[in-house]
Protein backbone atom coordinates (compact mmCIF):
# COMPACT_ATOMS: atom_id res chain seq x y z
CA UNK A 1 33.13 -28.06 15.96
CA UNK A 2 32.27 -24.40 15.49
CA UNK A 3 34.82 -21.78 16.41
CA UNK A 4 33.70 -18.95 18.65
CA UNK A 5 34.99 -15.58 17.46
CA UNK A 6 37.72 -14.34 19.78
CA UNK A 7 37.13 -10.69 18.89
CA UNK A 8 34.92 -9.12 21.48
CA UNK A 9 35.10 -11.81 24.19
CA UNK A 10 36.44 -9.34 26.74
CA UNK A 11 33.83 -6.85 25.63
CA UNK A 12 31.06 -9.42 26.00
CA UNK A 13 32.34 -10.40 29.42
CA UNK A 14 32.15 -6.80 30.54
CA UNK A 15 28.65 -6.38 29.09
CA UNK A 16 27.54 -9.40 31.10
CA UNK A 17 29.03 -7.83 34.22
CA UNK A 18 27.18 -4.59 33.52
CA UNK A 19 23.88 -6.41 32.91
CA UNK A 20 23.47 -8.40 36.09
CA UNK A 21 19.69 -8.49 36.36
CA UNK A 22 16.78 -9.95 34.45
CA UNK A 23 17.14 -10.47 30.74
CA UNK A 24 20.53 -8.77 30.53
CA UNK A 25 20.96 -6.78 27.32
CA UNK A 26 17.23 -6.36 26.77
CA UNK A 27 15.76 -3.07 25.66
CA UNK A 28 14.38 -2.20 29.09
CA UNK A 29 12.71 -5.38 30.36
CA UNK A 30 13.63 -5.83 34.03
CA UNK A 31 16.22 -3.04 34.08
CA UNK A 32 15.68 -2.42 37.81
CA UNK A 33 15.43 -5.23 40.41
CA UNK A 34 12.77 -3.24 42.29
CA UNK A 35 10.38 -3.66 39.36
CA UNK A 36 10.30 -7.45 39.60
CA UNK A 37 7.77 -7.16 42.43
CA UNK A 38 5.10 -5.80 40.05
CA UNK A 39 5.91 -6.35 36.40
CA UNK A 40 2.89 -4.26 35.35
CA UNK A 41 4.94 -1.17 36.20
CA UNK A 42 7.99 -2.35 34.24
CA UNK A 43 8.43 -0.68 30.85
CA UNK A 44 9.62 -3.07 28.15
CA UNK A 45 10.06 -0.84 25.12
CA UNK A 46 9.18 2.45 23.49
CA UNK A 47 8.62 2.80 19.75
CA UNK A 48 8.04 5.90 17.63
CA UNK A 49 7.75 5.85 13.84
CA UNK A 50 5.94 7.35 10.90
CA UNK A 51 2.64 5.57 10.34
CA UNK A 52 2.92 2.96 7.56
CA UNK A 53 -0.70 3.65 6.58
CA UNK A 54 -0.67 7.47 6.75
CA UNK A 55 2.52 9.46 6.24
CA UNK A 56 0.95 12.43 8.03
CA UNK A 57 0.68 10.47 11.30
CA UNK A 58 3.14 9.37 13.96
CA UNK A 59 2.78 6.12 15.90
CA UNK A 60 4.00 5.82 19.50
CA UNK A 61 3.84 2.45 21.26
CA UNK A 62 4.73 1.90 24.92
CA UNK A 63 4.88 -1.70 26.13
CA UNK A 64 4.91 -2.86 29.76
CA UNK A 65 4.93 -6.15 31.61
CA UNK A 66 7.70 -8.57 30.55
CA UNK A 67 6.24 -11.98 29.60
CA UNK A 68 2.72 -10.78 30.39
CA UNK A 69 0.58 -13.67 31.55
CA UNK A 70 3.65 -15.69 32.61
CA UNK A 71 5.80 -13.54 34.89
CA UNK A 72 2.93 -11.22 35.75
CA UNK A 73 -0.71 -10.44 34.99
CA UNK A 74 -1.99 -9.98 31.46
CA UNK A 75 -3.86 -6.83 32.45
CA UNK A 76 -2.85 -3.24 33.19
CA UNK A 77 -2.25 -1.97 36.71
CA UNK A 78 -5.48 -0.22 37.81
CA UNK A 79 -3.71 2.07 40.29
CA UNK A 80 -0.91 3.27 38.02
CA UNK A 81 -0.39 6.07 35.53
CA UNK A 82 1.24 5.46 32.15
CA UNK A 83 2.71 8.65 30.67
CA UNK A 84 4.05 9.35 27.18
CA UNK A 85 5.84 12.68 26.80
CA UNK A 86 6.67 14.61 23.64
CA UNK A 87 9.45 17.21 23.70
CA UNK A 88 9.03 19.40 20.63
CA UNK A 89 11.60 22.13 21.31
CA UNK A 90 14.69 20.18 22.38
CA UNK A 91 14.81 21.26 26.03
CA UNK A 92 14.41 17.71 27.43
CA UNK A 93 11.05 18.59 28.97
CA UNK A 94 7.67 17.18 28.04
CA UNK A 95 5.66 19.77 26.11
CA UNK A 96 2.82 17.31 25.53
CA UNK A 97 1.79 14.55 27.90
CA UNK A 98 -0.49 11.63 27.12
CA UNK A 99 -1.58 10.03 30.41
CA UNK A 100 -3.35 6.66 30.27
CA UNK A 101 -5.09 5.11 33.28
CA UNK A 102 -7.05 1.91 33.76
CA UNK A 103 -9.90 0.67 35.93
CA UNK A 104 -10.47 -2.68 37.55
CA UNK A 105 -10.71 -5.83 35.45
CA UNK A 106 -14.30 -6.72 34.56
CA UNK A 107 -15.92 -10.12 34.30
CA UNK A 108 -15.15 -10.21 30.59
CA UNK A 109 -11.47 -9.46 31.23
CA UNK A 110 -11.59 -5.92 29.88
CA UNK A 111 -10.70 -2.75 31.74
CA UNK A 112 -11.99 0.82 31.50
CA UNK A 113 -9.42 3.14 29.88
CA UNK A 114 -9.04 6.88 30.19
CA UNK A 115 -6.57 9.06 28.31
CA UNK A 116 -5.73 12.69 28.93
CA UNK A 117 -3.77 14.82 26.48
CA UNK A 118 -2.26 17.84 28.17
CA UNK A 119 -0.21 20.57 26.47
CA UNK A 120 2.26 22.65 28.48
CA UNK A 121 0.78 26.09 28.95
CA UNK A 122 -2.50 24.99 27.35
CA UNK A 123 -5.56 22.94 28.04
CA UNK A 124 -6.35 19.27 28.26
CA UNK A 125 -8.49 16.83 26.32
CA UNK A 126 -9.81 13.48 27.52
CA UNK A 127 -11.36 10.36 26.06
CA UNK A 128 -12.53 7.06 27.52
CA UNK A 129 -13.13 3.51 26.36
CA UNK A 130 -12.10 -0.04 27.17
CA UNK A 131 -9.08 -2.24 26.59
CA UNK A 132 -9.15 -4.25 23.39
CA UNK A 133 -11.07 -1.59 21.46
CA UNK A 134 -9.94 1.48 19.53
CA UNK A 135 -10.55 4.78 21.30
CA UNK A 136 -10.94 7.94 19.21
CA UNK A 137 -9.18 11.00 20.58
CA UNK A 138 -10.81 14.44 20.55
CA UNK A 139 -9.30 17.69 19.31
CA UNK A 140 -6.62 17.02 16.70
CA UNK A 141 -7.77 13.42 16.50
CA UNK A 142 -5.97 10.14 16.75
CA UNK A 143 -6.51 6.60 17.98
CA UNK A 144 -5.54 4.71 21.13
CA UNK A 145 -5.55 0.95 21.68
CA UNK A 146 -4.51 -0.76 24.90
CA UNK A 147 -4.31 -4.54 24.78
CA UNK A 148 -2.16 -7.62 25.28
CA UNK A 149 0.02 -8.15 22.18
CA UNK A 150 2.99 -10.11 20.91
CA UNK A 151 6.25 -8.76 22.31
CA UNK A 152 8.08 -7.49 19.20
CA UNK A 153 11.46 -7.27 20.92
CA UNK A 154 14.00 -9.87 19.77
CA UNK A 155 17.32 -10.81 21.33
CA UNK A 156 19.61 -13.85 21.63
CA UNK A 157 19.91 -14.01 25.41
CA UNK A 158 21.43 -17.51 25.46
CA UNK A 159 24.07 -16.53 22.91
CA UNK A 160 24.84 -13.44 24.95
CA UNK A 161 25.39 -15.44 28.12
CA UNK A 162 27.42 -18.16 26.40
CA UNK A 163 29.64 -15.81 24.37
CA UNK A 164 28.29 -17.11 21.04
CA UNK A 165 26.91 -13.91 19.58
CA UNK A 166 27.46 -13.61 15.86
CA UNK A 167 26.28 -17.13 15.07
CA UNK A 168 22.63 -18.08 14.48
CA UNK A 169 20.70 -18.32 17.73
CA UNK A 170 17.20 -18.19 19.18
CA UNK A 171 15.09 -15.19 20.12
CA UNK A 172 14.48 -15.39 23.87
CA UNK A 173 11.25 -13.37 23.50
CA UNK A 174 9.70 -15.55 20.82
CA UNK A 175 6.12 -16.43 21.80
CA UNK A 176 6.00 -14.03 24.75
CA UNK A 177 3.46 -11.26 25.18
CA UNK A 178 3.47 -7.71 26.45
CA UNK A 179 0.87 -5.12 27.45
CA UNK A 180 0.76 -2.50 24.72
CA UNK A 181 -0.36 1.14 24.76
CA UNK A 182 -0.50 2.12 21.07
CA UNK A 183 -1.18 5.68 19.98
CA UNK A 184 -1.46 7.12 16.46
CA UNK A 185 -1.93 10.87 16.06
CA UNK A 186 -1.37 13.53 13.38
CA UNK A 187 2.30 14.52 13.41
CA UNK A 188 1.25 18.17 13.21
CA UNK A 189 -0.29 17.82 16.68
CA UNK A 190 3.09 16.81 18.13
CA UNK A 191 5.45 19.24 16.43
CA UNK A 192 6.06 22.94 16.94
CA UNK A 193 7.20 24.24 13.57
CA UNK A 194 9.82 21.49 13.23
CA UNK A 195 9.32 17.84 12.29
CA UNK A 196 11.89 16.74 14.89
CA UNK A 197 10.59 15.68 18.30
CA UNK A 198 11.71 13.62 21.28
CA UNK A 199 9.63 10.94 23.01
CA UNK A 200 9.98 9.28 26.39
CA UNK A 201 7.65 7.47 28.77
CA UNK A 202 7.26 6.57 32.42
CA UNK A 203 5.08 4.65 34.87
CA UNK A 204 3.90 5.92 38.22
CA UNK A 205 2.07 4.38 41.15
CA UNK A 206 0.33 7.16 43.00
CA UNK A 207 2.79 10.02 42.77
CA UNK A 208 5.86 7.77 42.88
CA UNK A 209 7.85 7.24 39.68
CA UNK A 210 8.51 3.58 38.94
CA UNK A 211 10.20 3.31 35.54
CA UNK A 212 11.09 5.45 32.53
CA UNK A 213 12.50 4.90 29.08
CA UNK A 214 13.59 6.71 25.93
CA UNK A 215 16.12 4.84 23.81
CA UNK A 216 16.54 1.07 24.20
CA UNK A 217 19.08 -0.42 26.65
CA UNK A 218 20.34 2.83 28.19
CA UNK A 219 19.57 1.99 31.81
CA UNK A 220 19.98 -1.75 31.25
CA UNK A 221 23.55 -1.54 29.97
CA UNK A 222 25.13 1.83 30.68
CA UNK A 223 23.90 2.79 34.15
CA UNK A 224 25.50 1.06 37.20
CA UNK A 225 23.33 -1.38 39.12
CA UNK A 226 23.39 0.79 42.25
CA UNK A 227 21.91 3.71 40.30
CA UNK A 228 19.28 2.00 38.17
CA UNK A 229 16.45 2.95 40.52
CA UNK A 230 17.75 6.52 40.67
CA UNK A 231 17.78 6.63 36.89
CA UNK A 232 14.21 5.35 36.64
CA UNK A 233 12.93 7.98 39.06
CA UNK A 234 14.99 10.79 37.51
CA UNK A 235 14.14 13.40 34.89
CA UNK A 236 15.69 13.46 31.40
CA UNK A 237 16.69 17.10 31.78
CA UNK A 238 19.07 16.06 34.60
CA UNK A 239 20.56 13.04 32.84
CA UNK A 240 23.74 14.80 31.74
CA UNK A 241 24.32 16.14 35.23
CA UNK A 242 23.45 12.99 37.18
CA UNK A 243 24.54 10.08 34.98
CA UNK A 244 26.95 11.26 32.29
CA UNK A 245 30.15 10.30 34.09
CA UNK A 246 28.82 6.82 34.90
CA UNK A 247 27.98 6.31 31.25
CA UNK A 248 31.37 7.60 30.09
CA UNK A 249 33.14 5.24 32.53
CA UNK A 250 31.25 2.24 31.18
CA UNK A 251 31.86 3.26 27.58
CA UNK A 252 35.57 3.57 28.29
CA UNK A 253 35.53 0.13 29.91
CA UNK A 254 33.96 -1.26 26.74
CA UNK A 255 37.09 -0.24 24.83
CA UNK A 256 36.07 3.15 23.46
CA UNK A 257 38.56 6.01 23.54
CA UNK A 258 37.80 9.20 25.46
CA UNK A 259 36.53 11.16 22.46
CA UNK A 260 34.20 8.35 21.40
CA UNK A 261 32.90 7.83 24.95
CA UNK A 262 32.22 11.55 25.34
CA UNK A 263 30.49 11.71 21.96
CA UNK A 264 28.28 8.71 22.71
CA UNK A 265 27.34 10.06 26.14
CA UNK A 266 26.39 13.39 24.59
CA UNK A 267 24.28 11.60 21.98
CA UNK A 268 22.61 9.08 24.32
CA UNK A 269 21.81 11.50 27.14
CA UNK A 270 19.27 12.78 27.87
CA UNK A 271 17.50 9.43 27.49
CA UNK A 272 14.95 10.57 24.92
CA UNK A 273 14.03 8.76 21.70
CA UNK A 274 14.42 11.37 18.94
CA UNK A 275 12.57 11.16 15.64
CA UNK A 276 12.10 13.21 12.50
CA UNK A 277 8.40 12.62 11.95
CA UNK A 278 8.74 13.42 8.24
CA UNK A 279 11.15 10.51 7.71
CA UNK A 280 10.45 6.80 7.29
CA UNK A 281 13.96 5.90 8.52
CA UNK A 282 14.33 3.68 11.56
CA UNK A 283 16.50 3.62 14.67
CA UNK A 284 18.24 5.79 15.76
CA UNK A 285 15.63 7.94 14.00
CA UNK A 286 12.82 6.92 16.31
CA UNK A 287 12.32 3.18 16.48
CA UNK A 288 10.20 0.96 14.27
CA UNK A 289 8.83 -2.37 15.48
CA UNK A 290 11.13 -4.30 13.12
CA UNK A 291 14.33 -2.37 13.87
CA UNK A 292 17.18 -4.57 15.10
CA UNK A 293 18.20 -2.18 17.86
CA UNK A 294 20.43 -4.77 19.56
CA UNK A 295 22.64 -5.22 16.49
CA UNK A 296 22.83 -1.46 16.00
CA UNK A 297 23.71 -0.75 19.62
CA UNK A 298 26.18 -3.63 19.94
CA UNK A 299 28.15 -2.14 17.07
CA UNK A 300 27.80 1.39 18.42
CA UNK A 301 28.86 0.62 21.99
CA UNK A 302 31.69 -1.79 21.16
CA UNK A 303 33.27 0.06 18.25
CA UNK A 304 32.02 -2.72 15.94
CA UNK A 305 33.88 -5.40 17.89
CA UNK A 306 30.47 -7.12 18.17
CA UNK A 307 27.89 -6.33 15.48
CA UNK A 308 25.15 -8.94 15.83
CA UNK A 309 23.47 -11.19 18.36
CA UNK A 310 22.67 -13.75 15.67
CA UNK A 311 18.86 -13.44 15.62
CA UNK A 312 16.42 -11.60 13.38
CA UNK A 313 12.89 -10.41 13.97
CA UNK A 314 10.41 -13.29 14.04
CA UNK A 315 7.23 -11.33 14.82
CA UNK A 316 4.47 -10.67 12.30
CA UNK A 317 3.31 -7.08 12.07
CA UNK A 318 0.24 -5.60 10.40
CA UNK A 319 -0.18 -2.82 7.86
CA UNK A 320 -2.90 -1.16 9.91
CA UNK A 321 -3.16 0.24 13.41
CA UNK A 322 -1.89 -0.85 15.92
CA UNK A 323 0.75 -2.54 13.65
CA UNK A 324 2.09 -4.69 16.52
CA UNK A 325 1.35 -8.42 16.28
CA UNK A 326 -1.54 -10.24 17.94
CA UNK A 327 -1.02 -11.90 21.31
CA UNK A 328 0.48 -15.37 21.48
CA UNK A 329 -1.25 -18.19 23.34
CA UNK A 330 0.91 -18.74 26.44
CA UNK A 331 1.23 -22.27 27.71
CA UNK A 332 1.19 -21.41 31.40
CA UNK A 333 -0.78 -18.19 31.99
CA UNK A 334 -0.97 -17.15 35.64
CA UNK A 335 -4.24 -15.28 35.24
CA UNK A 336 -5.11 -11.74 36.24
């Protein structure tokens, strides 16, 4: 009979209380109950890392639609906007915006795709294509691919809910798919004299904000359930003002002292994924597809009382764009 580690049981119990919806301590899947009504607007994850095939490029991948083809359609919402912002001067405002939009699903299952790159105080550039095919970007160049892919996120949900983290478990997301918006561009087109940038993303339907994300698990774990929708419709530049005290309270409840809670809140807010584009290091320097962000954040948030969820990455990545793995064959697709 295996012995469950007693260290961290109270901490795990509190984390479960904080994560009352969806897949619990997931990166961002199902962070807001309102998003369950249209999973195509639900952001799963945001990745940003130096290109493995070209050190001069940065890769940004935004995934949406938890369990695409099972819990929701395996196509992109045709009446939504998918925005990726780059902050290149540290003021928590998007200096560059990539906006991706989709048309209706065709008979062959593909959708028209349009992307607009807009620079604050400057002009805009556009390109078009279809899902499932690489789209070349004008101006500084780059490539976009929008398609259904393997969900690279990995987490031991069952172990989390049964207080058995730290022993080998199963990845809840194994075999599930996600809708991926993958972008690779020259790093020089994102930076402004400094290789350090911040990245965040959002979804909109019409002019209404639906979801946003920077670092993994911020809204899922550290924002109260009554404020998750407010967080998703908020702006990063107001995060410290609007949500800092809530985050500090939850960090204190997880067993951190005041100085640690304050330091973590100052680091984690605003909710922007920061990356030195000249570095190959992973999370919290950006986020690579293979980074075990759950292990890292469990240790960070619990003062190392809990340091692993007991699962490793089981996805297969590629050495070429878009790097994320090919879609799995779902057993019970619901169609489009």
